[in-house]
Amino acid sequence: MSSQLPIVIAQAAPAAGQGNPLLTFLPLIVLFGLMYFLMIRPQMKRQKEHRNMVAALSKGDEVVTNGGIAGRVEEVGESFITVEIAPNVKVKLQKGAVSQVLPKGTLKAS
């Protein structure tokens, strides 16, 4: 008795079409676009506004620093400013440490 087993050759199913490679990366492209418009672009805008504010500092401006110290600008240099925070008390700061320019007369009111 000769038993012969049927030989079954598995045929690979035809591969699904690869499709357009652009459609494969479309979700990644959309995600990058959203990241740009929701995070990167607003941050660049804030940096530009801060740079312009710091460049426009002049003697007599009333400012608030990143540390919360308020004072009047007495001297403006290349990269440093001198701020008077109390009568005869002057502090030298980097220009980048200024976080806000206050309206004139704000310090007298408080």
N, C-alpha and C. Protein backbone atom coordinates (compact mmCIF):
# COMPACT_ATOMS: atom_id res chain seq x y z
N MET A 1 0.82 -1.15 0.00
CA MET A 1 0.00 0.00 0.00
C MET A 1 0.88 1.23 0.00
N SER A 2 0.77 1.82 -1.01
CA SER A 2 1.58 3.02 -1.16
C SER A 2 0.67 4.21 -0.93
N SER A 3 1.02 4.89 0.09
CA SER A 3 0.17 6.04 0.38
C SER A 3 0.89 7.28 -0.12
N GLN A 4 0.22 7.91 -0.95
CA GLN A 4 0.78 9.15 -1.47
C GLN A 4 -0.04 10.31 -0.93
N LEU A 5 0.70 11.20 -0.36
CA LEU A 5 0.04 12.38 0.15
C LEU A 5 -0.03 13.40 -0.97
N PRO A 6 -1.16 14.00 -1.06
CA PRO A 6 -1.25 15.02 -2.11
C PRO A 6 -0.33 16.20 -1.76
N ILE A 7 0.37 16.64 -2.70
CA ILE A 7 1.27 17.77 -2.51
C ILE A 7 0.48 19.03 -2.79
N VAL A 8 0.46 19.84 -1.78
CA VAL A 8 -0.29 21.09 -1.92
C VAL A 8 0.73 22.22 -1.98
N ILE A 9 0.68 22.95 -2.99
CA ILE A 9 1.57 24.09 -3.13
C ILE A 9 0.75 25.33 -2.82
N ALA A 10 1.22 25.98 -1.80
CA ALA A 10 0.51 27.20 -1.39
C ALA A 10 0.92 28.31 -2.34
N GLN A 11 -0.07 28.88 -2.87
CA GLN A 11 0.21 30.01 -3.75
C GLN A 11 -0.03 31.29 -2.96
N ALA A 12 0.90 32.17 -3.11
CA ALA A 12 0.78 33.45 -2.41
C ALA A 12 -0.36 34.23 -3.02
N ALA A 13 -1.12 34.82 -2.15
CA ALA A 13 -2.20 35.67 -2.65
C ALA A 13 -1.56 36.85 -3.36
N PRO A 14 -2.17 37.30 -4.40
CA PRO A 14 -1.59 38.45 -5.09
C PRO A 14 -1.51 39.64 -4.13
N ALA A 15 -0.36 40.30 -4.16
CA ALA A 15 -0.14 41.44 -3.26
C ALA A 15 -1.10 42.56 -3.60
N ALA A 16 -1.58 43.17 -2.54
CA ALA A 16 -2.49 44.30 -2.75
C ALA A 16 -1.70 45.40 -3.45
N GLY A 17 -2.38 46.16 -4.25
CA GLY A 17 -1.72 47.24 -4.99
C GLY A 17 -1.03 48.20 -4.03
N GLN A 18 0.15 48.63 -4.37
CA GLN A 18 0.91 49.53 -3.51
C GLN A 18 0.25 50.88 -3.40
N GLY A 19 -0.45 51.29 -4.38
CA GLY A 19 -1.14 52.57 -4.31
C GLY A 19 -0.18 53.73 -4.50
N ASN A 20 -0.71 54.88 -4.37
CA ASN A 20 0.07 56.10 -4.54
C ASN A 20 0.91 56.34 -3.28
N PRO A 21 2.24 56.52 -3.41
CA PRO A 21 3.06 56.75 -2.22
C PRO A 21 2.71 58.06 -1.51
N LEU A 22 2.16 59.00 -2.24
CA LEU A 22 1.76 60.26 -1.62
C LEU A 22 0.64 60.03 -0.62
N LEU A 23 -0.29 59.14 -0.95
CA LEU A 23 -1.39 58.83 -0.03
C LEU A 23 -0.89 58.12 1.23
N THR A 24 0.23 57.41 1.11
CA THR A 24 0.80 56.73 2.27
C THR A 24 1.31 57.75 3.28
N PHE A 25 1.91 58.83 2.79
CA PHE A 25 2.49 59.84 3.68
C PHE A 25 1.54 61.00 3.97
N LEU A 26 0.35 60.96 3.40
CA LEU A 26 -0.59 62.06 3.59
C LEU A 26 -0.91 62.34 5.06
N PRO A 27 -1.18 61.34 5.90
CA PRO A 27 -1.44 61.66 7.32
C PRO A 27 -0.26 62.34 8.00
N LEU A 28 0.95 61.93 7.66
CA LEU A 28 2.14 62.54 8.25
C LEU A 28 2.28 63.99 7.79
N ILE A 29 1.99 64.25 6.54
CA ILE A 29 2.07 65.61 6.00
C ILE A 29 1.02 66.50 6.66
N VAL A 30 -0.18 65.99 6.82
CA VAL A 30 -1.26 66.76 7.47
C VAL A 30 -0.90 67.04 8.93
N LEU A 31 -0.34 66.06 9.61
CA LEU A 31 0.06 66.24 11.01
C LEU A 31 1.14 67.32 11.14
N PHE A 32 2.12 67.32 10.24
CA PHE A 32 3.16 68.34 10.27
C PHE A 32 2.56 69.72 10.01
N GLY A 33 1.61 69.80 9.07
CA GLY A 33 0.95 71.08 8.78
C GLY A 33 0.21 71.61 10.00
N LEU A 34 -0.50 70.74 10.70
CA LEU A 34 -1.21 71.16 11.91
C LEU A 34 -0.23 71.62 12.99
N MET A 35 0.87 70.89 13.17
CA MET A 35 1.88 71.29 14.16
C MET A 35 2.43 72.67 13.82
N TYR A 36 2.67 72.92 12.55
CA TYR A 36 3.24 74.20 12.14
C TYR A 36 2.28 75.34 12.48
N PHE A 37 1.01 75.19 12.09
CA PHE A 37 0.06 76.29 12.29
C PHE A 37 -0.41 76.44 13.73
N LEU A 38 -0.38 75.38 14.51
CA LEU A 38 -0.85 75.46 15.90
C LEU A 38 0.25 75.73 16.92
N MET A 39 1.51 75.39 16.58
CA MET A 39 2.57 75.54 17.58
C MET A 39 3.73 76.40 17.10
N ILE A 40 4.29 76.08 15.97
CA ILE A 40 5.52 76.74 15.52
C ILE A 40 5.28 78.17 15.10
N ARG A 41 4.27 78.40 14.27
CA ARG A 41 4.01 79.75 13.76
C ARG A 41 3.66 80.75 14.86
N PRO A 42 2.77 80.43 15.82
CA PRO A 42 2.49 81.38 16.90
C PRO A 42 3.72 81.69 17.75
N GLN A 43 4.58 80.68 17.99
CA GLN A 43 5.78 80.91 18.78
C GLN A 43 6.73 81.86 18.05
N MET A 44 6.86 81.70 16.75
CA MET A 44 7.72 82.59 15.96
C MET A 44 7.17 84.01 15.99
N LYS A 45 5.85 84.15 15.97
CA LYS A 45 5.23 85.47 16.02
C LYS A 45 5.53 86.16 17.36
N ARG A 46 5.41 85.40 18.47
CA ARG A 46 5.71 85.96 19.79
C ARG A 46 7.17 86.38 19.90
N GLN A 47 8.08 85.57 19.35
CA GLN A 47 9.50 85.91 19.38
C GLN A 47 9.77 87.19 18.61
N LYS A 48 9.13 87.35 17.48
CA LYS A 48 9.32 88.55 16.67
C LYS A 48 8.80 89.78 17.41
N GLU A 49 7.63 89.68 18.05
CA GLU A 49 7.08 90.80 18.81
C GLU A 49 8.00 91.17 19.97
N HIS A 50 8.57 90.18 20.67
CA HIS A 50 9.48 90.46 21.78
C HIS A 50 10.75 91.14 21.29
N ARG A 51 11.30 90.65 20.17
CA ARG A 51 12.49 91.27 19.60
C ARG A 51 12.24 92.73 19.26
N ASN A 52 11.09 93.02 18.64
CA ASN A 52 10.75 94.40 18.29
C ASN A 52 10.57 95.27 19.53
N MET A 53 9.94 94.71 20.58
CA MET A 53 9.74 95.46 21.83
C MET A 53 11.08 95.81 22.47
N VAL A 54 11.99 94.84 22.52
CA VAL A 54 13.29 95.07 23.13
C VAL A 54 14.10 96.08 22.31
N ALA A 55 14.00 96.00 21.01
CA ALA A 55 14.74 96.93 20.14
C ALA A 55 14.23 98.36 20.30
N ALA A 56 12.95 98.52 20.65
CA ALA A 56 12.35 99.85 20.76
C ALA A 56 12.48 100.46 22.16
N LEU A 57 13.16 99.79 23.09
CA LEU A 57 13.31 100.35 24.44
C LEU A 57 14.09 101.66 24.40
N SER A 58 13.65 102.61 25.20
CA SER A 58 14.35 103.90 25.27
C SER A 58 14.30 104.42 26.70
N LYS A 59 15.11 105.42 26.96
CA LYS A 59 15.18 105.99 28.30
C LYS A 59 13.81 106.55 28.70
N GLY A 60 13.39 106.26 29.92
CA GLY A 60 12.11 106.74 30.41
C GLY A 60 10.99 105.73 30.30
N ASP A 61 11.19 104.65 29.55
CA ASP A 61 10.15 103.60 29.46
C ASP A 61 10.01 102.91 30.80
N GLU A 62 8.80 102.53 31.13
CA GLU A 62 8.54 101.77 32.35
C GLU A 62 8.36 100.32 31.95
N VAL A 63 9.14 99.44 32.58
CA VAL A 63 9.18 98.03 32.17
C VAL A 63 8.99 97.09 33.35
N VAL A 64 8.63 95.85 33.03
CA VAL A 64 8.58 94.76 34.00
C VAL A 64 9.50 93.68 33.47
N THR A 65 10.34 93.13 34.35
CA THR A 65 11.28 92.08 33.95
C THR A 65 10.64 90.71 34.09
N ASN A 66 11.36 89.69 33.62
CA ASN A 66 10.87 88.31 33.75
C ASN A 66 10.72 87.91 35.22
N GLY A 67 11.51 88.51 36.10
CA GLY A 67 11.44 88.21 37.53
C GLY A 67 10.35 88.98 38.25
N GLY A 68 9.65 89.87 37.55
CA GLY A 68 8.56 90.62 38.15
C GLY A 68 8.97 91.97 38.72
N ILE A 69 10.19 92.39 38.48
CA ILE A 69 10.66 93.68 38.99
C ILE A 69 10.23 94.78 38.02
N ALA A 70 9.58 95.81 38.55
CA ALA A 70 9.13 96.93 37.72
C ALA A 70 10.05 98.11 37.97
N GLY A 71 10.32 98.85 36.91
CA GLY A 71 11.18 100.02 37.06
C GLY A 71 11.18 100.87 35.80
N ARG A 72 11.95 101.95 35.88
CA ARG A 72 12.04 102.90 34.77
C ARG A 72 13.43 102.77 34.14
N VAL A 73 13.47 102.70 32.81
CA VAL A 73 14.74 102.57 32.09
C VAL A 73 15.52 103.88 32.21
N GLU A 74 16.77 103.79 32.68
CA GLU A 74 17.62 104.96 32.84
C GLU A 74 18.67 105.05 31.74
N GLU A 75 19.13 103.90 31.28
CA GLU A 75 20.19 103.87 30.27
C GLU A 75 20.00 102.64 29.38
N VAL A 76 20.19 102.82 28.08
CA VAL A 76 20.04 101.71 27.13
C VAL A 76 21.38 101.50 26.43
N GLY A 77 21.90 100.30 26.53
CA GLY A 77 23.15 99.95 25.86
C GLY A 77 22.90 98.95 24.74
N GLU A 78 24.00 98.37 24.25
CA GLU A 78 23.92 97.40 23.15
C GLU A 78 23.11 96.17 23.57
N SER A 79 23.47 95.56 24.68
CA SER A 79 22.77 94.36 25.12
C SER A 79 22.28 94.45 26.58
N PHE A 80 22.58 95.55 27.25
CA PHE A 80 22.14 95.73 28.64
C PHE A 80 21.37 97.05 28.78
N ILE A 81 20.51 97.09 29.79
CA ILE A 81 19.81 98.32 30.15
C ILE A 81 19.98 98.54 31.65
N THR A 82 19.91 99.78 32.07
CA THR A 82 19.93 100.10 33.49
C THR A 82 18.53 100.54 33.88
N VAL A 83 17.99 99.90 34.90
CA VAL A 83 16.61 100.15 35.33
C VAL A 83 16.64 100.68 36.76
N GLU A 84 15.95 101.77 37.00
CA GLU A 84 15.82 102.30 38.36
C GLU A 84 14.56 101.70 38.96
N ILE A 85 14.76 100.90 40.03
CA ILE A 85 13.61 100.22 40.63
C ILE A 85 13.10 100.93 41.88
N ALA A 86 13.89 101.83 42.42
CA ALA A 86 13.52 102.66 43.57
C ALA A 86 14.41 103.89 43.51
N PRO A 87 14.08 104.95 44.26
CA PRO A 87 14.94 106.14 44.22
C PRO A 87 16.40 105.77 44.56
N ASN A 88 17.30 106.11 43.67
CA ASN A 88 18.74 105.85 43.80
C ASN A 88 19.10 104.37 43.87
N VAL A 89 18.25 103.48 43.38
CA VAL A 89 18.55 102.04 43.29
C VAL A 89 18.44 101.65 41.83
N LYS A 90 19.61 101.37 41.22
CA LYS A 90 19.63 101.03 39.80
C LYS A 90 20.16 99.62 39.63
N VAL A 91 19.55 98.90 38.69
CA VAL A 91 19.92 97.53 38.40
C VAL A 91 20.25 97.42 36.92
N LYS A 92 21.34 96.71 36.60
CA LYS A 92 21.70 96.49 35.20
C LYS A 92 21.17 95.13 34.79
N LEU A 93 20.43 95.10 33.69
CA LEU A 93 19.79 93.87 33.21
C LEU A 93 20.10 93.65 31.73
N GLN A 94 19.97 92.41 31.31
CA GLN A 94 20.03 92.12 29.88
C GLN A 94 18.72 92.59 29.26
N LYS A 95 18.80 93.05 28.02
CA LYS A 95 17.58 93.52 27.35
C LYS A 95 16.53 92.43 27.24
N GLY A 96 16.98 91.20 27.03
CA GLY A 96 16.04 90.08 26.88
C GLY A 96 15.25 89.77 28.13
N ALA A 97 15.68 90.30 29.29
CA ALA A 97 14.98 90.04 30.55
C ALA A 97 13.71 90.87 30.69
N VAL A 98 13.51 91.83 29.80
CA VAL A 98 12.31 92.66 29.84
C VAL A 98 11.16 91.86 29.25
N SER A 99 10.09 91.71 30.02
CA SER A 99 8.95 90.95 29.52
C SER A 99 7.80 91.82 29.07
N GLN A 100 7.74 93.06 29.55
CA GLN A 100 6.60 93.91 29.22
C GLN A 100 6.99 95.37 29.37
N VAL A 101 6.51 96.19 28.46
CA VAL A 101 6.66 97.64 28.58
C VAL A 101 5.32 98.18 29.06
N LEU A 102 5.34 98.92 30.17
CA LEU A 102 4.11 99.45 30.76
C LEU A 102 3.78 100.81 30.16
N PRO A 103 2.51 101.20 30.20
CA PRO A 103 2.14 102.56 29.77
C PRO A 103 2.79 103.60 30.68
N LYS A 104 3.11 104.76 30.13
CA LYS A 104 3.75 105.84 30.91
C LYS A 104 2.87 106.20 32.10
N GLY A 105 3.49 106.42 33.26
CA GLY A 105 2.78 106.82 34.45
C GLY A 105 2.24 105.68 35.30
N THR A 106 2.45 104.46 34.87
CA THR A 106 1.93 103.32 35.62
C THR A 106 2.62 103.19 36.99
N LEU A 107 3.93 103.42 37.03
CA LEU A 107 4.65 103.26 38.30
C LEU A 107 4.30 104.34 39.30
N LYS A 108 3.99 105.53 38.85
CA LYS A 108 3.61 106.61 39.77
C LYS A 108 2.26 106.32 40.41
N ALA A 109 1.38 105.67 39.67
CA ALA A 109 0.03 105.39 40.17
C ALA A 109 0.04 104.33 41.27
N SER A 110 1.05 103.47 41.30
CA SER A 110 1.04 102.38 42.29
C SER A 110 1.85 102.69 43.51
